[in-house]
Structures are given as C-alpha cells and as structure tokens.
C-alpha cells in the first residue's frame, strides 16, 4: 500500500516565440505549484501552494485572465529549481504515488527540467497516475470522452471548491474524486455523467462495463 498519495497541478506561463531554441524543448514555464497530500487511508494530510518565477517572460495577460496570477504574485517567488526542491521536500520521504488530471503536468515537468538542466528529485519520479483517464474509464466512458475536472466535479453534484485554474484548488478537487471512489460512492454518481453524455439505449451495457472497471481498479489497488 502506498503511504502517500500526492495530487498536484501546475499553472503555466508561455515562453515567447523569440526564444525559439527554448521553445523547441519546452513551450511554457510553471508559474504555480499546487498539491494536496493524502495518507494511506486517503485522509487529507496537508496542502501545498507556491508561485514560481518564470525565467523567460512576465505573466502573459491571458494567463492572468485565466488564473488570476499576476507579475506581483511571482515577483519574489523562487525560480524553478528552488521551487521544485522545496516541493520535493514537502512531499517527504515516504513512498507514494503522484496523481495529476491528465499527463500534461508530467510532460511539462519533464520538458522544463530538461530545458533548465534540473535533475528531478526521486519524489517527483515516483509512479504517476493520469487520474483523468482512470476516472473517465471508471465511469464507463472511452478515452475519446475525457472529462474536464470542473465538469467531473459538477456532474457528481459536488461544488467545485475554490477557483478553477488555481493549482492547489484543482489538485484538491481531483483528490476529492479519488476519496469519493474509495468511499464507495462512484456507482451512485456515475449514472449522472453517463446519462448526460450517452444515448439512453447504451445505459444498460455501460452499467455493466462500469461494474467491471470498478472491480478491476479495486483489485489493482489492493482492495
């Protein structure tokens, strides 16, 4: 059993086109880290939130409009390497698993660490899980219908806690979906999403598929 479950989310700022050599390796920089830490029984242990100062450009106006992050927020923030060292220290020495809503955060971290010649600490090289893909599969949808986090939260009749596109809030809300699954509440909510996205005639077969997917997932995770 994993001792910790780390849900993380990054907000990113684009690298301008004039830095074409850098953009060949990485198109954006992390400007905010947000995460929550769950214990082995999926209880909430801690939250983490930190701004990161971009190296290539100020915060783009459309990023401010999307996230609310401004140049003032990142002015005194640490650079990428220092921020990631601090984040790894917060994750701690207990073996665990890292979760993100889609693998875009992993690709960003991998690309940016390569660009900035930063060796990723072992805490960030632990097994990653694309929880968007897992959750989509558990509720009986194909990978062709990935759900946005806000839609997944709303569809199970749970209020989105905080602000969408702020890193720690996105991380906390995706973690809450895992807690819901572990509490055995997936079946009662999955039908809401399936009814909204699938024709009525497919409901019975999708219900059977959902039971099979849930049983397999529980077996894989030692339940």
C-alpha atoms as a PDB file:
ATOM      1  CA  UNK A   1       0.000   0.000   0.000  1.00  0.00           C
ATOM      2  CA  UNK A   2       1.227   3.496  -0.827  1.00  0.00           C
ATOM      3  CA  UNK A   3       1.965   5.621   2.236  1.00  0.00           C
ATOM      4  CA  UNK A   4       1.141   8.905   0.497  1.00  0.00           C
ATOM      5  CA  UNK A   5      -0.967   9.996  -2.437  1.00  0.00           C
ATOM      6  CA  UNK A   6       0.119  13.335  -3.923  1.00  0.00           C
ATOM      7  CA  UNK A   7      -2.343  15.157  -6.175  1.00  0.00           C
ATOM      8  CA  UNK A   8      -0.644  18.013  -7.977  1.00  0.00           C
ATOM      9  CA  UNK A   9      -1.445  20.667 -10.520  1.00  0.00           C
ATOM     10  CA  UNK A  10       0.723  23.222 -12.289  1.00  0.00           C
ATOM     11  CA  UNK A  11      -0.241  26.528 -13.841  1.00  0.00           C
ATOM     12  CA  UNK A  12       1.983  27.555 -16.734  1.00  0.00           C
ATOM     13  CA  UNK A  13       3.124  30.725 -18.467  1.00  0.00           C
ATOM     14  CA  UNK A  14       4.110  30.552 -22.169  1.00  0.00           C
ATOM     15  CA  UNK A  15       7.680  31.066 -23.352  1.00  0.00           C
ATOM     16  CA  UNK A  16       7.601  33.785 -26.056  1.00  0.00           C
ATOM     17  CA  UNK A  17       8.324  32.823 -29.645  1.00  0.00           C
ATOM     18  CA  UNK A  18      11.522  34.846 -29.814  1.00  0.00           C
ATOM     19  CA  UNK A  19      13.115  32.242 -27.544  1.00  0.00           C
ATOM     20  CA  UNK A  20      12.780  29.706 -30.314  1.00  0.00           C
ATOM     21  CA  UNK A  21      15.565  27.405 -29.108  1.00  0.00           C
ATOM     22  CA  UNK A  22      13.970  27.118 -25.667  1.00  0.00           C
ATOM     23  CA  UNK A  23      10.517  26.617 -27.194  1.00  0.00           C
ATOM     24  CA  UNK A  24      11.803  23.650 -29.145  1.00  0.00           C
ATOM     25  CA  UNK A  25      12.305  21.944 -25.795  1.00  0.00           C
ATOM     26  CA  UNK A  26       9.506  23.451 -23.718  1.00  0.00           C
ATOM     27  CA  UNK A  27       6.704  25.807 -24.672  1.00  0.00           C
ATOM     28  CA  UNK A  28       5.856  27.092 -21.198  1.00  0.00           C
ATOM     29  CA  UNK A  29       7.158  27.525 -17.672  1.00  0.00           C
ATOM     30  CA  UNK A  30       5.500  26.518 -14.428  1.00  0.00           C
ATOM     31  CA  UNK A  31       4.359  29.615 -12.563  1.00  0.00           C
ATOM     32  CA  UNK A  32       2.385  27.970  -9.758  1.00  0.00           C
ATOM     33  CA  UNK A  33       2.567  24.632  -7.948  1.00  0.00           C
ATOM     34  CA  UNK A  34      -0.423  23.319  -6.043  1.00  0.00           C
ATOM     35  CA  UNK A  35      -0.787  19.966  -4.331  1.00  0.00           C
ATOM     36  CA  UNK A  36      -2.561  18.029  -1.625  1.00  0.00           C
ATOM     37  CA  UNK A  37      -1.181  15.081   0.306  1.00  0.00           C
ATOM     38  CA  UNK A  38      -3.394  12.143   1.290  1.00  0.00           C
ATOM     39  CA  UNK A  39      -2.375   9.434   3.720  1.00  0.00           C
ATOM     40  CA  UNK A  40      -2.620   5.657   3.207  1.00  0.00           C
ATOM     41  CA  UNK A  41      -6.299   5.738   4.135  1.00  0.00           C
ATOM     42  CA  UNK A  42      -6.890   8.675   1.773  1.00  0.00           C
ATOM     43  CA  UNK A  43      -7.323  11.165   4.595  1.00  0.00           C
ATOM     44  CA  UNK A  44      -6.191  14.722   3.845  1.00  0.00           C
ATOM     45  CA  UNK A  45      -2.827  15.411   5.484  1.00  0.00           C
ATOM     46  CA  UNK A  46      -1.646  18.706   4.029  1.00  0.00           C
ATOM     47  CA  UNK A  47      -1.924  21.273   1.221  1.00  0.00           C
ATOM     48  CA  UNK A  48       0.883  22.973  -0.707  1.00  0.00           C
ATOM     49  CA  UNK A  49       0.785  26.169  -2.757  1.00  0.00           C
ATOM     50  CA  UNK A  50       3.697  28.147  -4.175  1.00  0.00           C
ATOM     51  CA  UNK A  51       4.311  30.583  -7.000  1.00  0.00           C
ATOM     52  CA  UNK A  52       7.302  30.101  -9.280  1.00  0.00           C
ATOM     53  CA  UNK A  53       9.064  32.978 -11.046  1.00  0.00           C
ATOM     54  CA  UNK A  54       9.300  32.442 -14.829  1.00  0.00           C
ATOM     55  CA  UNK A  55      12.738  32.899 -16.372  1.00  0.00           C
ATOM     56  CA  UNK A  56      11.757  33.944 -19.887  1.00  0.00           C
ATOM     57  CA  UNK A  57       8.842  36.378 -19.698  1.00  0.00           C
ATOM     58  CA  UNK A  58       6.370  38.190 -17.434  1.00  0.00           C
ATOM     59  CA  UNK A  59       2.994  36.600 -16.819  1.00  0.00           C
ATOM     60  CA  UNK A  60       1.017  36.802 -20.055  1.00  0.00           C
ATOM     61  CA  UNK A  61      -2.258  38.751 -19.909  1.00  0.00           C
ATOM     62  CA  UNK A  62      -4.326  35.737 -20.942  1.00  0.00           C
ATOM     63  CA  UNK A  63      -2.780  33.705 -18.109  1.00  0.00           C
ATOM     64  CA  UNK A  64      -3.738  36.427 -15.649  1.00  0.00           C
ATOM     65  CA  UNK A  65      -7.279  36.406 -17.059  1.00  0.00           C
ATOM     66  CA  UNK A  66      -7.454  32.626 -16.756  1.00  0.00           C
ATOM     67  CA  UNK A  67      -5.808  32.096 -13.376  1.00  0.00           C
ATOM     68  CA  UNK A  68      -5.670  35.466 -11.637  1.00  0.00           C
ATOM     69  CA  UNK A  69      -1.871  35.134 -11.314  1.00  0.00           C
ATOM     70  CA  UNK A  70      -0.017  38.428 -11.818  1.00  0.00           C
ATOM     71  CA  UNK A  71       3.579  39.608 -12.053  1.00  0.00           C
ATOM     72  CA  UNK A  72       3.249  40.866  -8.478  1.00  0.00           C
ATOM     73  CA  UNK A  73       2.480  37.316  -7.301  1.00  0.00           C
ATOM     74  CA  UNK A  74       5.648  35.881  -8.830  1.00  0.00           C
ATOM     75  CA  UNK A  75       7.987  38.851  -8.320  1.00  0.00           C
ATOM     76  CA  UNK A  76       9.586  37.455  -5.161  1.00  0.00           C
ATOM     77  CA  UNK A  77       8.900  33.796  -5.906  1.00  0.00           C
ATOM     78  CA  UNK A  78      11.729  31.266  -6.235  1.00  0.00           C
ATOM     79  CA  UNK A  79      12.956  30.119  -9.621  1.00  0.00           C
ATOM     80  CA  UNK A  80      12.114  26.678 -10.967  1.00  0.00           C
ATOM     81  CA  UNK A  81      14.897  24.631  -9.352  1.00  0.00           C
ATOM     82  CA  UNK A  82      14.498  26.126  -5.880  1.00  0.00           C
ATOM     83  CA  UNK A  83      10.722  25.786  -6.042  1.00  0.00           C
ATOM     84  CA  UNK A  84      10.928  22.127  -7.079  1.00  0.00           C
ATOM     85  CA  UNK A  85      13.446  21.360  -4.343  1.00  0.00           C
ATOM     86  CA  UNK A  86      11.044  22.843  -1.812  1.00  0.00           C
ATOM     87  CA  UNK A  87       8.124  20.917  -3.289  1.00  0.00           C
ATOM     88  CA  UNK A  88      10.054  17.640  -3.158  1.00  0.00           C
ATOM     89  CA  UNK A  89      10.926  18.306   0.479  1.00  0.00           C
ATOM     90  CA  UNK A  90       7.222  18.856   1.222  1.00  0.00           C
ATOM     91  CA  UNK A  91       6.322  15.547  -0.447  1.00  0.00           C
ATOM     92  CA  UNK A  92       8.704  13.917   2.005  1.00  0.00           C
ATOM     93  CA  UNK A  93      10.491  10.601   2.250  1.00  0.00           C
ATOM     94  CA  UNK A  94       7.502   8.277   2.449  1.00  0.00           C
ATOM     95  CA  UNK A  95       6.965   6.202  -0.712  1.00  0.00           C
ATOM     96  CA  UNK A  96       3.863   7.149  -2.604  1.00  0.00           C
ATOM     97  CA  UNK A  97       2.140   7.813  -5.880  1.00  0.00           C
ATOM     98  CA  UNK A  98       1.709  11.080  -7.771  1.00  0.00           C
ATOM     99  CA  UNK A  99      -1.614  11.880  -9.457  1.00  0.00           C
ATOM    100  CA  UNK A 100      -2.497  14.550 -11.990  1.00  0.00           C
ATOM    101  CA  UNK A 101      -5.584  15.371 -14.023  1.00  0.00           C
ATOM    102  CA  UNK A 102      -4.183  14.234 -17.410  1.00  0.00           C
ATOM    103  CA  UNK A 103      -0.479  13.740 -18.022  1.00  0.00           C
ATOM    104  CA  UNK A 104       0.101  17.286 -19.260  1.00  0.00           C
ATOM    105  CA  UNK A 105       1.643  18.237 -15.896  1.00  0.00           C
ATOM    106  CA  UNK A 106       4.167  15.403 -16.151  1.00  0.00           C
ATOM    107  CA  UNK A 107       5.093  16.354 -19.717  1.00  0.00           C
ATOM    108  CA  UNK A 108       5.556  19.954 -18.604  1.00  0.00           C
ATOM    109  CA  UNK A 109       7.736  18.966 -15.665  1.00  0.00           C
ATOM    110  CA  UNK A 110       9.836  16.608 -17.791  1.00  0.00           C
ATOM    111  CA  UNK A 111      10.327  19.172 -20.563  1.00  0.00           C
ATOM    112  CA  UNK A 112      11.100  22.081 -18.262  1.00  0.00           C
ATOM    113  CA  UNK A 113      13.533  20.114 -16.135  1.00  0.00           C
ATOM    114  CA  UNK A 114      15.362  19.113 -19.326  1.00  0.00           C
ATOM    115  CA  UNK A 115      15.406  22.711 -20.594  1.00  0.00           C
ATOM    116  CA  UNK A 116      16.739  24.042 -17.294  1.00  0.00           C
ATOM    117  CA  UNK A 117      19.118  21.124 -16.703  1.00  0.00           C
ATOM    118  CA  UNK A 118      17.457  20.293 -13.427  1.00  0.00           C
ATOM    119  CA  UNK A 119      17.707  16.674 -12.215  1.00  0.00           C
ATOM    120  CA  UNK A 120      14.297  15.729 -10.892  1.00  0.00           C
ATOM    121  CA  UNK A 121      14.375  14.501  -7.266  1.00  0.00           C
ATOM    122  CA  UNK A 122      13.121  10.975  -6.679  1.00  0.00           C
ATOM    123  CA  UNK A 123       9.915  12.243  -5.081  1.00  0.00           C
ATOM    124  CA  UNK A 124       8.830  13.584  -8.479  1.00  0.00           C
ATOM    125  CA  UNK A 125       9.934  10.467 -10.335  1.00  0.00           C
ATOM    126  CA  UNK A 126       7.636   8.145  -8.417  1.00  0.00           C
ATOM    127  CA  UNK A 127       4.879   6.411 -10.326  1.00  0.00           C
ATOM    128  CA  UNK A 128       2.466   8.917 -11.853  1.00  0.00           C
ATOM    129  CA  UNK A 129      -1.192   8.205 -12.476  1.00  0.00           C
ATOM    130  CA  UNK A 130      -3.325  10.026 -15.039  1.00  0.00           C
ATOM    131  CA  UNK A 131      -6.406  10.267 -12.844  1.00  0.00           C
ATOM    132  CA  UNK A 132      -8.457  11.895 -15.585  1.00  0.00           C
ATOM    133  CA  UNK A 133      -8.029   8.747 -17.692  1.00  0.00           C
ATOM    134  CA  UNK A 134      -8.727   6.447 -14.743  1.00  0.00           C
ATOM    135  CA  UNK A 135     -11.830   8.333 -13.661  1.00  0.00           C
ATOM    136  CA  UNK A 136     -13.149   8.553 -17.210  1.00  0.00           C
ATOM    137  CA  UNK A 137     -12.718   4.804 -17.578  1.00  0.00           C
ATOM    138  CA  UNK A 138     -14.293   4.030 -14.210  1.00  0.00           C
ATOM    139  CA  UNK A 139     -17.496   5.828 -15.095  1.00  0.00           C
ATOM    140  CA  UNK A 140     -17.757   3.850 -18.309  1.00  0.00           C
ATOM    141  CA  UNK A 141     -16.578   6.342 -20.903  1.00  0.00           C
ATOM    142  CA  UNK A 142     -13.911   5.816 -23.525  1.00  0.00           C
ATOM    143  CA  UNK A 143     -10.718   7.791 -23.778  1.00  0.00           C
ATOM    144  CA  UNK A 144     -12.368   9.706 -26.603  1.00  0.00           C
ATOM    145  CA  UNK A 145     -14.522  11.477 -23.992  1.00  0.00           C
ATOM    146  CA  UNK A 146     -12.069  12.855 -21.378  1.00  0.00           C
ATOM    147  CA  UNK A 147     -13.815  14.956 -18.764  1.00  0.00           C
ATOM    148  CA  UNK A 148     -12.678  18.351 -17.603  1.00  0.00           C
ATOM    149  CA  UNK A 149     -12.120  18.457 -13.850  1.00  0.00           C
ATOM    150  CA  UNK A 150     -14.803  21.081 -13.333  1.00  0.00           C
ATOM    151  CA  UNK A 151     -17.346  19.022 -15.291  1.00  0.00           C
ATOM    152  CA  UNK A 152     -16.445  15.852 -13.382  1.00  0.00           C
ATOM    153  CA  UNK A 153     -16.943  17.651 -10.061  1.00  0.00           C
ATOM    154  CA  UNK A 154     -20.203  19.271 -11.153  1.00  0.00           C
ATOM    155  CA  UNK A 155     -21.584  16.080 -12.660  1.00  0.00           C
ATOM    156  CA  UNK A 156     -21.336  14.261  -9.351  1.00  0.00           C
ATOM    157  CA  UNK A 157     -23.290  17.084  -7.726  1.00  0.00           C
ATOM    158  CA  UNK A 158     -20.377  18.379  -5.725  1.00  0.00           C
ATOM    159  CA  UNK A 159     -19.413  22.020  -5.613  1.00  0.00           C
ATOM    160  CA  UNK A 160     -16.013  22.943  -7.028  1.00  0.00           C
ATOM    161  CA  UNK A 161     -14.033  24.092  -4.022  1.00  0.00           C
ATOM    162  CA  UNK A 162     -12.067  27.267  -4.703  1.00  0.00           C
ATOM    163  CA  UNK A 163     -11.219  28.666  -8.127  1.00  0.00           C
ATOM    164  CA  UNK A 164     -10.741  26.650 -11.294  1.00  0.00           C
ATOM    165  CA  UNK A 165      -7.269  27.117 -12.790  1.00  0.00           C
ATOM    166  CA  UNK A 166      -5.655  27.794  -9.448  1.00  0.00           C
ATOM    167  CA  UNK A 167      -3.244  24.990  -8.812  1.00  0.00           C
ATOM    168  CA  UNK A 168      -3.994  23.960  -5.243  1.00  0.00           C
ATOM    169  CA  UNK A 169      -7.757  24.122  -5.798  1.00  0.00           C
ATOM    170  CA  UNK A 170      -7.552  21.946  -8.915  1.00  0.00           C
ATOM    171  CA  UNK A 171      -5.381  19.465  -7.014  1.00  0.00           C
ATOM    172  CA  UNK A 172      -7.735  19.372  -4.030  1.00  0.00           C
ATOM    173  CA  UNK A 173     -10.799  18.804  -6.187  1.00  0.00           C
ATOM    174  CA  UNK A 174      -9.268  15.949  -8.160  1.00  0.00           C
ATOM    175  CA  UNK A 175      -8.178  14.369  -4.862  1.00  0.00           C
ATOM    176  CA  UNK A 176     -11.771  14.604  -3.651  1.00  0.00           C
ATOM    177  CA  UNK A 177     -12.873  12.496  -6.613  1.00  0.00           C
ATOM    178  CA  UNK A 178     -10.449   9.757  -5.540  1.00  0.00           C
ATOM    179  CA  UNK A 179     -11.776   9.969  -1.986  1.00  0.00           C
ATOM    180  CA  UNK A 180     -15.274   9.563  -3.392  1.00  0.00           C
ATOM    181  CA  UNK A 181     -14.234   6.434  -5.287  1.00  0.00           C
ATOM    182  CA  UNK A 182     -12.559   4.972  -2.199  1.00  0.00           C
ATOM    183  CA  UNK A 183     -15.663   5.707  -0.119  1.00  0.00           C
ATOM    184  CA  UNK A 184     -17.717   3.534  -2.489  1.00  0.00           C
ATOM    185  CA  UNK A 185     -19.756   6.405  -3.876  1.00  0.00           C
ATOM    186  CA  UNK A 186     -18.802   6.065  -7.529  1.00  0.00           C
ATOM    187  CA  UNK A 187     -21.759   3.922  -8.600  1.00  0.00           C
ATOM    188  CA  UNK A 188     -24.361   6.359  -7.324  1.00  0.00           C
ATOM    189  CA  UNK A 189     -22.814   9.289  -9.180  1.00  0.00           C
ATOM    190  CA  UNK A 190     -21.543   7.726 -12.397  1.00  0.00           C
ATOM    191  CA  UNK A 191     -25.045   7.382 -13.836  1.00  0.00           C
ATOM    192  CA  UNK A 192     -25.404  11.169 -13.761  1.00  0.00           C
ATOM    193  CA  UNK A 193     -22.464  11.595 -16.118  1.00  0.00           C
ATOM    194  CA  UNK A 194     -23.395   8.680 -18.345  1.00  0.00           C
ATOM    195  CA  UNK A 195     -26.939   9.979 -18.754  1.00  0.00           C
ATOM    196  CA  UNK A 196     -25.639  13.371 -19.791  1.00  0.00           C
ATOM    197  CA  UNK A 197     -23.109  12.071 -22.315  1.00  0.00           C
ATOM    198  CA  UNK A 198     -24.559   8.851 -23.722  1.00  0.00           C
ATOM    199  CA  UNK A 199     -27.788   7.871 -25.527  1.00  0.00           C
ATOM    200  CA  UNK A 200     -30.362   6.169 -23.335  1.00  0.00           C
ATOM    201  CA  UNK A 201     -30.075   2.862 -25.218  1.00  0.00           C
ATOM    202  CA  UNK A 202     -26.449   2.460 -24.081  1.00  0.00           C
ATOM    203  CA  UNK A 203     -27.140   2.804 -20.361  1.00  0.00           C
ATOM    204  CA  UNK A 204     -27.521  -0.908 -19.514  1.00  0.00           C
ATOM    205  CA  UNK A 205     -24.311  -2.017 -21.246  1.00  0.00           C
ATOM    206  CA  UNK A 206     -22.362   0.891 -19.796  1.00  0.00           C
ATOM    207  CA  UNK A 207     -23.622  -0.009 -16.339  1.00  0.00           C
ATOM    208  CA  UNK A 208     -22.157  -3.490 -16.695  1.00  0.00           C
ATOM    209  CA  UNK A 209     -18.894  -2.063 -18.041  1.00  0.00           C
ATOM    210  CA  UNK A 210     -18.691   0.311 -15.084  1.00  0.00           C
ATOM    211  CA  UNK A 211     -19.002  -2.571 -12.600  1.00  0.00           C
ATOM    212  CA  UNK A 212     -16.211  -4.476 -14.345  1.00  0.00           C
ATOM    213  CA  UNK A 213     -13.943  -1.417 -14.494  1.00  0.00           C
ATOM    214  CA  UNK A 214     -14.532  -0.603 -10.814  1.00  0.00           C
ATOM    215  CA  UNK A 215     -13.836  -4.185  -9.729  1.00  0.00           C
ATOM    216  CA  UNK A 216     -10.599  -4.239 -11.735  1.00  0.00           C
ATOM    217  CA  UNK A 217      -9.483  -0.907 -10.327  1.00  0.00           C
ATOM    218  CA  UNK A 218     -10.131  -2.028  -6.739  1.00  0.00           C
ATOM    219  CA  UNK A 219      -8.232  -5.255  -7.332  1.00  0.00           C
ATOM    220  CA  UNK A 220      -5.270  -3.355  -8.811  1.00  0.00           C
ATOM    221  CA  UNK A 221      -5.144  -1.057  -5.791  1.00  0.00           C
ATOM    222  CA  UNK A 222      -5.351  -3.834  -3.215  1.00  0.00           C
ATOM    223  CA  UNK A 223      -8.962  -3.519  -2.093  1.00  0.00           C
END
